[in-house]
Protein backbone atom coordinates (compact mmCIF):
# COMPACT_ATOMS: atom_id res chain seq x y z
CA MET A 1 0.00 0.00 0.00
CA GLY A 2 2.98 2.32 0.46
CA SER A 3 1.45 4.81 2.92
CA SER A 4 3.44 3.70 5.96
CA SER A 5 6.21 6.27 5.60
CA PRO A 6 7.28 8.22 8.71
CA GLU A 7 6.25 11.50 7.08
CA PHE A 8 2.69 10.26 6.64
CA GLY A 9 2.53 9.14 10.26
CA MET A 10 3.85 12.45 11.60
CA GLY A 11 1.47 14.43 9.41
CA PHE A 12 -1.47 12.32 10.51
CA PHE A 13 -0.49 12.67 14.17
CA ALA A 14 -0.14 16.45 13.79
CA GLY A 15 -3.60 16.65 12.18
CA VAL A 16 -5.20 14.61 14.95
CA ALA A 17 -3.44 16.73 17.59
CA VAL A 18 -4.75 19.95 16.03
CA VAL A 19 -8.31 18.62 15.89
CA TYR A 20 -8.06 17.40 19.49
CA LEU A 21 -6.78 20.80 20.63
CA LEU A 22 -9.62 22.58 18.83
CA VAL A 23 -12.18 20.31 20.51
CA ILE A 24 -10.68 21.05 23.94
CA ILE A 25 -10.72 24.80 23.30
CA PHE A 26 -14.33 24.61 22.10
CA ALA A 27 -15.35 22.67 25.23
CA VAL A 28 -13.65 25.20 27.54
CA VAL A 29 -15.37 28.11 25.79
CA CYS A 30 -18.77 26.39 26.02
CA TRP A 31 -18.42 25.50 29.69
CA TRP A 32 -17.02 28.97 30.47
CA ARG A 33 -20.09 30.58 28.93
CA ILE A 34 -22.47 28.26 30.80
CA TRP A 35 -20.85 29.01 34.17
CA SER A 36 -20.75 32.74 33.38
CA LYS A 37 -24.39 32.88 32.32
CA ALA A 38 -25.33 31.21 35.58
CA GLY A 39 -23.54 34.00 37.42
CA PHE A 40 -20.49 32.05 38.56
CA SER A 41 -16.87 32.66 37.64
CA GLY A 42 -15.93 31.16 34.29
CA VAL A 43 -12.86 29.61 35.89
CA TRP A 44 -15.17 26.84 37.13
CA ALA A 45 -15.10 25.58 33.53
CA LEU A 46 -11.55 24.35 34.03
CA LEU A 47 -12.80 21.91 36.67
CA MET A 48 -14.71 20.06 33.97
CA PHE A 49 -11.42 18.45 32.90
CA VAL A 50 -10.59 17.00 36.32
CA PRO A 51 -11.95 13.46 36.71
CA PHE A 52 -14.64 13.05 39.38
CA VAL A 53 -14.42 16.76 40.21
CA ASN A 54 -16.23 17.43 36.94
CA ILE A 55 -19.17 15.33 38.08
CA ALA A 56 -19.32 17.11 41.44
CA SER A 57 -19.10 20.56 39.85
CA PHE A 58 -21.78 19.65 37.31
CA ILE A 59 -24.09 18.51 40.13
CA TYR A 60 -23.33 21.74 41.98
CA LEU A 61 -24.19 23.74 38.86
CA ALA A 62 -27.47 21.86 38.50
CA PHE A 63 -28.70 22.22 42.07
CA ALA A 64 -27.07 25.37 43.50
CA GLU A 65 -28.89 28.67 43.61
CA TRP A 66 -27.49 30.67 40.72
CA PRO A 67 -26.35 34.23 41.45
CA VAL A 68 -28.13 35.35 38.28
CA SER A 69 -31.51 34.17 39.54
CA ARG A 70 -30.82 35.48 43.05
CA ASP A 71 -30.04 38.97 41.72
CA ARG A 72 -33.12 39.07 39.52
CA VAL A 73 -35.75 41.62 40.52
CA ASP A 74 -39.15 40.27 41.45
CA PRO A 75 -41.59 41.36 38.67
CA LYS A 76 -44.43 41.66 41.23
CA THR A 77 -42.78 44.72 42.76
CA PHE A 78 -43.53 46.71 39.61
CA GLU A 79 -47.29 46.11 39.65
């Protein structure tokens, strides 16, 4: 088949590494925005890459009172 040269392997590895890096960056940006929109610091997004801590932080995000909803003004006060 002839495609087992070292240059092909290095090029393929470099391509996979670039795609993997882009996926990681995309995931960090998405999680950063989710944490920020909830009213927390975006730095919490970095915890999503720590095994087992990511599950705990995701559960915290799901069940904690979000600062955004806590700071919201009650619409009944304007009636």
